[in-house]
Amino acid sequence: MTEPRGVSRQTFLRGAIGALAAGAVFGSSRASADPSGWGDLAAAIKGQVILPDSGGQFSSAKSVFNTNFNGLTPAAVVTPSSAVDVQKAMEFAAAHNLKVAPRGGGHSYVGASTANGTMVLDLRQLPGDIDYDAATGHVTVTPATGLYAIHQTLAGAGRGIPTGTCPTVGAAGHALGGGLGAQSRHAGLMSDQLVSATVVLPGGTGVTASATENPDLYWALRGGGGGNFGVTTAL
């Protein structure tokens, strides 16, 4: 990257990150900070709906690994416990014109894991073991599964996958955003290895995206889909 003349690299990067963060969540317009019906959503899902008036619990729930963005205040942090919970939360967001910020590991450089006035979907409570299928060579994970845990499972089978080196980065953000790492020169990006994803679309519909099923969504996800097209619940 060529440093802009008259602007320090640090100043330039801070400005770029701020601009990207402003567009890092999806939704049709400015989010409502206080929609009615949060109690209805809490009753409809098995996970939690954590609001700003929850005190210390909210402060903890909204915190992300990238502490540059911990000063932001989402409208609520929703912790779905299943893909069905995610669908109900997305239906709620569509009905109340809320922007949504999906969160896996919370490492996003551009702050895509949180934003002022959004509904953060914290996906760390989604159930699911790391499922390696020796017959196909495919491994299935949930979005917040850490890279180290994936490598542990695959190493036991004598396999590997190209990723970055931070052990707690979540699989979804890393894969859907590209996934550059030490092995990329000879093995490509993590997004190159994606063969399918289960995605909840903005209206709440759940679909599978692969080379043969919803292929347009599949190709969009492979490097450009970090929360831009829906909420991924499995990869």
C-alpha atoms as a PDB file:
ATOM      1  CA  MET A   1       0.000   0.000   0.000  1.00  0.00           C
ATOM      2  CA  THR A   2       1.354   3.436  -0.937  1.00  0.00           C
ATOM      3  CA  GLU A   3       1.054   5.931   1.892  1.00  0.00           C
ATOM      4  CA  PRO A   4      -1.030   8.983   0.845  1.00  0.00           C
ATOM      5  CA  ARG A   5       1.111  12.119   0.581  1.00  0.00           C
ATOM      6  CA  GLY A   6       0.786  14.377   3.617  1.00  0.00           C
ATOM      7  CA  VAL A   7      -1.143  11.793   5.664  1.00  0.00           C
ATOM      8  CA  SER A   8       0.509   9.393   8.106  1.00  0.00           C
ATOM      9  CA  ARG A   9      -0.122   5.677   7.596  1.00  0.00           C
ATOM     10  CA  GLN A  10      -1.734   5.446  11.043  1.00  0.00           C
ATOM     11  CA  THR A  11      -4.126   8.326  10.334  1.00  0.00           C
ATOM     12  CA  PHE A  12      -5.016   6.878   6.941  1.00  0.00           C
ATOM     13  CA  LEU A  13      -5.724   3.409   8.356  1.00  0.00           C
ATOM     14  CA  ARG A  14      -7.833   4.792  11.193  1.00  0.00           C
ATOM     15  CA  GLY A  15      -9.933   6.728   8.697  1.00  0.00           C
ATOM     16  CA  ALA A  16     -10.288   3.714   6.422  1.00  0.00           C
ATOM     17  CA  ILE A  17     -11.342   1.480   9.313  1.00  0.00           C
ATOM     18  CA  GLY A  18     -13.951   4.016  10.403  1.00  0.00           C
ATOM     19  CA  ALA A  19     -15.393   4.242   6.908  1.00  0.00           C
ATOM     20  CA  LEU A  20     -15.558   0.469   6.541  1.00  0.00           C
ATOM     21  CA  ALA A  21     -17.111   0.017   9.970  1.00  0.00           C
ATOM     22  CA  ALA A  22     -19.919   2.371   8.999  1.00  0.00           C
ATOM     23  CA  GLY A  23     -20.958  -0.080   6.284  1.00  0.00           C
ATOM     24  CA  ALA A  24     -20.074  -3.322   8.019  1.00  0.00           C
ATOM     25  CA  VAL A  25     -23.603  -4.314   9.012  1.00  0.00           C
ATOM     26  CA  PHE A  26     -26.599  -4.993   6.846  1.00  0.00           C
ATOM     27  CA  GLY A  27     -30.029  -3.385   7.019  1.00  0.00           C
ATOM     28  CA  SER A  28     -32.171  -1.103   4.931  1.00  0.00           C
ATOM     29  CA  SER A  29     -31.850   2.109   6.945  1.00  0.00           C
ATOM     30  CA  ARG A  30     -30.756   3.612  10.238  1.00  0.00           C
ATOM     31  CA  ALA A  31     -31.455   1.155  13.049  1.00  0.00           C
ATOM     32  CA  SER A  32     -34.012   1.928  15.700  1.00  0.00           C
ATOM     33  CA  ALA A  33     -32.258   2.005  19.076  1.00  0.00           C
ATOM     34  CA  ASP A  34     -35.371   1.058  21.029  1.00  0.00           C
ATOM     35  CA  PRO A  35     -37.909  -0.971  19.029  1.00  0.00           C
ATOM     36  CA  SER A  36     -40.885  -2.401  20.828  1.00  0.00           C
ATOM     37  CA  GLY A  37     -41.123  -6.127  21.251  1.00  0.00           C
ATOM     38  CA  TRP A  38     -37.731  -7.094  22.680  1.00  0.00           C
ATOM     39  CA  GLY A  39     -39.649  -9.082  25.288  1.00  0.00           C
ATOM     40  CA  ASP A  40     -41.490 -10.915  22.527  1.00  0.00           C
ATOM     41  CA  LEU A  41     -38.201 -11.881  20.907  1.00  0.00           C
ATOM     42  CA  ALA A  42     -36.801 -13.026  24.261  1.00  0.00           C
ATOM     43  CA  ALA A  43     -39.867 -15.226  24.746  1.00  0.00           C
ATOM     44  CA  ALA A  44     -39.634 -16.632  21.202  1.00  0.00           C
ATOM     45  CA  ILE A  45     -36.035 -17.856  21.353  1.00  0.00           C
ATOM     46  CA  LYS A  46     -34.165 -20.168  23.693  1.00  0.00           C
ATOM     47  CA  GLY A  47     -31.158 -17.858  23.779  1.00  0.00           C
ATOM     48  CA  GLN A  48     -30.926 -14.471  25.510  1.00  0.00           C
ATOM     49  CA  VAL A  49     -31.778 -10.900  24.560  1.00  0.00           C
ATOM     50  CA  ILE A  50     -29.433  -8.619  26.507  1.00  0.00           C
ATOM     51  CA  LEU A  51     -30.358  -4.920  26.534  1.00  0.00           C
ATOM     52  CA  PRO A  52     -28.377  -1.805  27.579  1.00  0.00           C
ATOM     53  CA  ASP A  53     -30.326  -1.590  30.852  1.00  0.00           C
ATOM     54  CA  SER A  54     -28.942  -5.014  31.844  1.00  0.00           C
ATOM     55  CA  GLY A  55     -25.926  -3.280  33.409  1.00  0.00           C
ATOM     56  CA  GLY A  56     -22.747  -5.300  33.724  1.00  0.00           C
ATOM     57  CA  GLN A  57     -24.154  -8.181  31.727  1.00  0.00           C
ATOM     58  CA  PHE A  58     -24.652  -5.921  28.709  1.00  0.00           C
ATOM     59  CA  SER A  59     -21.188  -4.406  29.058  1.00  0.00           C
ATOM     60  CA  SER A  60     -19.678  -7.866  28.998  1.00  0.00           C
ATOM     61  CA  ALA A  61     -21.926  -9.112  26.205  1.00  0.00           C
ATOM     62  CA  LYS A  62     -21.120  -6.233  23.846  1.00  0.00           C
ATOM     63  CA  SER A  63     -17.351  -6.484  24.302  1.00  0.00           C
ATOM     64  CA  VAL A  64     -15.316  -7.818  21.382  1.00  0.00           C
ATOM     65  CA  PHE A  65     -11.748  -9.061  21.011  1.00  0.00           C
ATOM     66  CA  ASN A  66     -10.831  -5.902  19.073  1.00  0.00           C
ATOM     67  CA  THR A  67     -11.156  -3.439  21.947  1.00  0.00           C
ATOM     68  CA  ASN A  68     -11.036  -0.450  19.571  1.00  0.00           C
ATOM     69  CA  PHE A  69     -14.781  -0.991  19.142  1.00  0.00           C
ATOM     70  CA  ASN A  70     -15.834  -1.633  22.744  1.00  0.00           C
ATOM     71  CA  GLY A  71     -17.090   1.951  23.080  1.00  0.00           C
ATOM     72  CA  LEU A  72     -19.929   1.269  20.642  1.00  0.00           C
ATOM     73  CA  THR A  73     -23.424   0.608  21.982  1.00  0.00           C
ATOM     74  CA  PRO A  74     -25.630  -1.855  20.098  1.00  0.00           C
ATOM     75  CA  ALA A  75     -29.382  -1.788  20.632  1.00  0.00           C
ATOM     76  CA  ALA A  76     -29.204  -5.332  21.979  1.00  0.00           C
ATOM     77  CA  VAL A  77     -26.989  -8.397  22.034  1.00  0.00           C
ATOM     78  CA  VAL A  78     -28.892 -11.534  21.085  1.00  0.00           C
ATOM     79  CA  THR A  79     -27.296 -14.918  21.821  1.00  0.00           C
ATOM     80  CA  PRO A  80     -29.145 -17.510  19.700  1.00  0.00           C
ATOM     81  CA  SER A  81     -28.791 -21.127  20.768  1.00  0.00           C
ATOM     82  CA  SER A  82     -29.853 -22.642  17.438  1.00  0.00           C
ATOM     83  CA  ALA A  83     -30.275 -21.828  13.760  1.00  0.00           C
ATOM     84  CA  VAL A  84     -34.011 -21.508  14.458  1.00  0.00           C
ATOM     85  CA  ASP A  85     -33.224 -18.785  17.011  1.00  0.00           C
ATOM     86  CA  VAL A  86     -31.191 -16.988  14.346  1.00  0.00           C
ATOM     87  CA  GLN A  87     -34.130 -17.158  11.938  1.00  0.00           C
ATOM     88  CA  LYS A  88     -36.513 -15.704  14.527  1.00  0.00           C
ATOM     89  CA  ALA A  89     -34.025 -12.938  15.373  1.00  0.00           C
ATOM     90  CA  MET A  90     -33.628 -12.051  11.711  1.00  0.00           C
ATOM     91  CA  GLU A  91     -37.399 -11.963  11.240  1.00  0.00           C
ATOM     92  CA  PHE A  92     -37.569  -9.596  14.222  1.00  0.00           C
ATOM     93  CA  ALA A  93     -34.845  -7.393  12.753  1.00  0.00           C
ATOM     94  CA  ALA A  94     -36.658  -7.206   9.407  1.00  0.00           C
ATOM     95  CA  ALA A  95     -39.957  -6.348  11.102  1.00  0.00           C
ATOM     96  CA  HIS A  96     -38.344  -3.530  13.117  1.00  0.00           C
ATOM     97  CA  ASN A  97     -35.997  -2.275  10.396  1.00  0.00           C
ATOM     98  CA  LEU A  98     -32.954  -3.095  12.517  1.00  0.00           C
ATOM     99  CA  LYS A  99     -29.453  -3.436  11.188  1.00  0.00           C
ATOM    100  CA  VAL A 100     -27.699  -6.648  12.221  1.00  0.00           C
ATOM    101  CA  ALA A 101     -24.069  -7.316  13.143  1.00  0.00           C
ATOM    102  CA  PRO A 102     -23.249 -11.053  13.249  1.00  0.00           C
ATOM    103  CA  ARG A 103     -20.435 -11.965  15.647  1.00  0.00           C
ATOM    104  CA  GLY A 104     -18.317 -15.090  15.555  1.00  0.00           C
ATOM    105  CA  GLY A 105     -14.943 -14.635  17.201  1.00  0.00           C
ATOM    106  CA  GLY A 106     -15.284 -10.845  17.433  1.00  0.00           C
ATOM    107  CA  HIS A 107     -11.872 -10.170  15.869  1.00  0.00           C
ATOM    108  CA  SER A 108     -13.018  -8.065  12.901  1.00  0.00           C
ATOM    109  CA  TYR A 109     -10.451  -5.407  12.014  1.00  0.00           C
ATOM    110  CA  VAL A 110     -13.207  -3.117  10.699  1.00  0.00           C
ATOM    111  CA  GLY A 111     -15.592  -3.551  13.629  1.00  0.00           C
ATOM    112  CA  ALA A 112     -18.100  -5.720  11.748  1.00  0.00           C
ATOM    113  CA  SER A 113     -18.863  -7.588  14.984  1.00  0.00           C
ATOM    114  CA  THR A 114     -20.667  -4.605  16.538  1.00  0.00           C
ATOM    115  CA  ALA A 115     -22.028  -1.128  15.804  1.00  0.00           C
ATOM    116  CA  ASN A 116     -24.100   1.586  17.442  1.00  0.00           C
ATOM    117  CA  GLY A 117     -27.840   0.867  17.387  1.00  0.00           C
ATOM    118  CA  THR A 118     -27.579  -2.568  15.805  1.00  0.00           C
ATOM    119  CA  MET A 119     -28.788  -5.953  16.917  1.00  0.00           C
ATOM    120  CA  VAL A 120     -25.623  -7.937  17.540  1.00  0.00           C
ATOM    121  CA  LEU A 121     -26.092 -11.650  16.938  1.00  0.00           C
ATOM    122  CA  ASP A 122     -23.483 -13.334  19.124  1.00  0.00           C
ATOM    123  CA  LEU A 123     -23.146 -16.784  17.544  1.00  0.00           C
ATOM    124  CA  ARG A 124     -20.865 -18.342  20.144  1.00  0.00           C
ATOM    125  CA  GLN A 125     -23.727 -20.265  21.762  1.00  0.00           C
ATOM    126  CA  LEU A 126     -24.687 -22.185  18.627  1.00  0.00           C
ATOM    127  CA  PRO A 127     -24.257 -25.908  19.379  1.00  0.00           C
ATOM    128  CA  GLY A 128     -22.200 -28.199  17.222  1.00  0.00           C
ATOM    129  CA  ASP A 129     -19.021 -30.192  17.466  1.00  0.00           C
ATOM    130  CA  ILE A 130     -16.291 -29.990  14.864  1.00  0.00           C
ATOM    131  CA  ASP A 131     -17.446 -32.730  12.504  1.00  0.00           C
ATOM    132  CA  TYR A 132     -14.745 -34.225  10.276  1.00  0.00           C
ATOM    133  CA  ASP A 133     -15.953 -36.655   7.599  1.00  0.00           C
ATOM    134  CA  ALA A 134     -13.064 -38.860   6.504  1.00  0.00           C
ATOM    135  CA  ALA A 135     -15.024 -40.135   3.497  1.00  0.00           C
ATOM    136  CA  THR A 136     -15.402 -36.687   1.918  1.00  0.00           C
ATOM    137  CA  GLY A 137     -12.497 -34.887   3.569  1.00  0.00           C
ATOM    138  CA  HIS A 138     -14.902 -32.148   4.680  1.00  0.00           C
ATOM    139  CA  VAL A 139     -15.017 -30.581   8.132  1.00  0.00           C
ATOM    140  CA  THR A 140     -18.211 -28.849   9.327  1.00  0.00           C
ATOM    141  CA  VAL A 141     -18.053 -26.109  11.961  1.00  0.00           C
ATOM    142  CA  THR A 142     -20.216 -23.407  13.489  1.00  0.00           C
ATOM    143  CA  PRO A 143     -19.315 -19.748  12.800  1.00  0.00           C
ATOM    144  CA  ALA A 144     -17.573 -18.994  16.089  1.00  0.00           C
ATOM    145  CA  THR A 145     -15.454 -22.159  16.128  1.00  0.00           C
ATOM    146  CA  GLY A 146     -11.863 -21.090  16.801  1.00  0.00           C
ATOM    147  CA  LEU A 147      -9.117 -21.819  14.286  1.00  0.00           C
ATOM    148  CA  TYR A 148      -6.986 -23.659  16.851  1.00  0.00           C
ATOM    149  CA  ALA A 149      -9.821 -26.051  17.652  1.00  0.00           C
ATOM    150  CA  ILE A 150     -10.264 -26.821  13.949  1.00  0.00           C
ATOM    151  CA  HIS A 151      -6.551 -27.522  13.546  1.00  0.00           C
ATOM    152  CA  GLN A 152      -6.564 -29.803  16.596  1.00  0.00           C
ATOM    153  CA  THR A 153      -9.339 -31.913  15.114  1.00  0.00           C
ATOM    154  CA  LEU A 154      -7.838 -32.056  11.627  1.00  0.00           C
ATOM    155  CA  ALA A 155      -4.323 -32.795  12.878  1.00  0.00           C
ATOM    156  CA  GLY A 156      -5.699 -35.900  14.579  1.00  0.00           C
ATOM    157  CA  ALA A 157      -6.809 -37.092  11.139  1.00  0.00           C
ATOM    158  CA  GLY A 158      -3.569 -36.075   9.428  1.00  0.00           C
ATOM    159  CA  ARG A 159      -5.256 -33.227   7.594  1.00  0.00           C
ATOM    160  CA  GLY A 160      -5.030 -29.437   7.592  1.00  0.00           C
ATOM    161  CA  ILE A 161      -6.632 -26.284   6.218  1.00  0.00           C
ATOM    162  CA  PRO A 162      -5.086 -22.898   5.377  1.00  0.00           C
ATOM    163  CA  THR A 163      -5.870 -20.307   8.057  1.00  0.00           C
ATOM    164  CA  GLY A 164      -4.316 -17.439   9.921  1.00  0.00           C
ATOM    165  CA  THR A 165      -2.362 -18.024  13.126  1.00  0.00           C
ATOM    166  CA  CYS A 166      -4.520 -16.410  15.838  1.00  0.00           C
ATOM    167  CA  PRO A 167      -6.116 -19.376  17.655  1.00  0.00           C
ATOM    168  CA  THR A 168      -9.344 -17.659  18.758  1.00  0.00           C
ATOM    169  CA  VAL A 169     -10.361 -16.151  15.410  1.00  0.00           C
ATOM    170  CA  GLY A 170     -13.813 -17.478  14.448  1.00  0.00           C
ATOM    171  CA  ALA A 171     -14.172 -19.676  11.382  1.00  0.00           C
ATOM    172  CA  ALA A 172     -16.958 -17.713   9.678  1.00  0.00           C
ATOM    173  CA  GLY A 173     -15.413 -14.252   9.633  1.00  0.00           C
ATOM    174  CA  HIS A 174     -12.072 -15.708   8.583  1.00  0.00           C
ATOM    175  CA  ALA A 175     -13.442 -17.913   5.794  1.00  0.00           C
ATOM    176  CA  LEU A 176     -16.060 -15.511   4.439  1.00  0.00           C
ATOM    177  CA  GLY A 177     -13.664 -12.572   4.441  1.00  0.00           C
ATOM    178  CA  GLY A 178     -10.848 -14.380   2.646  1.00  0.00           C
ATOM    179  CA  GLY A 179      -8.708 -16.038   5.290  1.00  0.00           C
ATOM    180  CA  LEU A 180      -5.099 -15.114   4.521  1.00  0.00           C
ATOM    181  CA  GLY A 181      -2.486 -17.092   6.443  1.00  0.00           C
ATOM    182  CA  ALA A 182       0.994 -18.612   6.517  1.00  0.00           C
ATOM    183  CA  GLN A 183      -0.037 -21.477   4.209  1.00  0.00           C
ATOM    184  CA  SER A 184      -1.652 -19.236   1.589  1.00  0.00           C
ATOM    185  CA  ARG A 185       1.310 -19.266  -0.821  1.00  0.00           C
ATOM    186  CA  HIS A 186       0.885 -22.983  -1.502  1.00  0.00           C
ATOM    187  CA  ALA A 187      -2.665 -23.731  -0.284  1.00  0.00           C
ATOM    188  CA  GLY A 188      -4.648 -20.570  -1.076  1.00  0.00           C
ATOM    189  CA  LEU A 189      -7.150 -18.884   1.217  1.00  0.00           C
ATOM    190  CA  MET A 190      -9.562 -20.447   3.689  1.00  0.00           C
ATOM    191  CA  SER A 191     -12.395 -19.126   1.503  1.00  0.00           C
ATOM    192  CA  ASP A 192     -11.022 -21.257  -1.352  1.00  0.00           C
ATOM    193  CA  GLN A 193     -11.773 -24.350   0.733  1.00  0.00           C
ATOM    194  CA  LEU A 194     -15.435 -23.495   1.439  1.00  0.00           C
ATOM    195  CA  VAL A 195     -17.708 -26.100  -0.173  1.00  0.00           C
ATOM    196  CA  SER A 196     -21.032 -25.135   1.430  1.00  0.00           C
ATOM    197  CA  ALA A 197     -22.607 -22.880   4.034  1.00  0.00           C
ATOM    198  CA  THR A 198     -25.927 -22.740   5.845  1.00  0.00           C
ATOM    199  CA  VAL A 199     -27.146 -19.143   5.797  1.00  0.00           C
ATOM    200  CA  VAL A 200     -30.097 -17.272   7.315  1.00  0.00           C
ATOM    201  CA  LEU A 201     -31.082 -14.533   4.881  1.00  0.00           C
ATOM    202  CA  PRO A 202     -32.139 -11.047   6.082  1.00  0.00           C
ATOM    203  CA  GLY A 203     -35.837 -11.960   6.039  1.00  0.00           C
ATOM    204  CA  GLY A 204     -35.300 -15.039   8.202  1.00  0.00           C
ATOM    205  CA  THR A 205     -35.262 -17.776   5.539  1.00  0.00           C
ATOM    206  CA  GLY A 206     -32.625 -20.472   5.988  1.00  0.00           C
ATOM    207  CA  VAL A 207     -30.835 -21.734   2.861  1.00  0.00           C
ATOM    208  CA  THR A 208     -27.839 -23.836   1.889  1.00  0.00           C
ATOM    209  CA  ALA A 209     -25.290 -22.295  -0.454  1.00  0.00           C
ATOM    210  CA  SER A 210     -22.946 -24.482  -2.532  1.00  0.00           C
ATOM    211  CA  ALA A 211     -21.703 -24.814  -6.084  1.00  0.00           C
ATOM    212  CA  THR A 212     -24.976 -26.577  -6.984  1.00  0.00           C
ATOM    213  CA  GLU A 213     -27.478 -24.983  -4.568  1.00  0.00           C
ATOM    214  CA  ASN A 214     -27.919 -21.198  -4.522  1.00  0.00           C
ATOM    215  CA  PRO A 215     -24.594 -20.891  -6.383  1.00  0.00           C
ATOM    216  CA  ASP A 216     -24.711 -17.089  -6.661  1.00  0.00           C
ATOM    217  CA  LEU A 217     -24.831 -16.796  -2.871  1.00  0.00           C
ATOM    218  CA  TYR A 218     -22.104 -19.435  -2.560  1.00  0.00           C
ATOM    219  CA  TRP A 219     -19.675 -17.601  -4.821  1.00  0.00           C
ATOM    220  CA  ALA A 220     -20.486 -14.302  -3.099  1.00  0.00           C
ATOM    221  CA  LEU A 221     -19.694 -15.839   0.290  1.00  0.00           C
ATOM    222  CA  ARG A 222     -16.269 -17.070  -0.797  1.00  0.00           C
ATOM    223  CA  GLY A 223     -14.284 -14.011   0.212  1.00  0.00           C
ATOM    224  CA  GLY A 224     -16.931 -11.292   0.167  1.00  0.00           C
ATOM    225  CA  GLY A 225     -19.604 -12.582   2.537  1.00  0.00           C
ATOM    226  CA  GLY A 226     -18.543 -11.644   6.051  1.00  0.00           C
ATOM    227  CA  GLY A 227     -22.039 -10.651   7.214  1.00  0.00           C
ATOM    228  CA  ASN A 228     -22.986  -8.942   3.948  1.00  0.00           C
ATOM    229  CA  PHE A 229     -25.605 -11.365   2.661  1.00  0.00           C
ATOM    230  CA  GLY A 230     -27.001 -13.047   5.746  1.00  0.00           C
ATOM    231  CA  VAL A 231     -25.958 -14.840   8.929  1.00  0.00           C
ATOM    232  CA  THR A 232     -23.980 -18.032   8.411  1.00  0.00           C
ATOM    233  CA  THR A 233     -24.818 -20.712  10.970  1.00  0.00           C
ATOM    234  CA  ALA A 234     -22.590 -23.545   9.671  1.00  0.00           C
ATOM    235  CA  LEU A 235     -19.735 -23.973   7.205  1.00  0.00           C
END
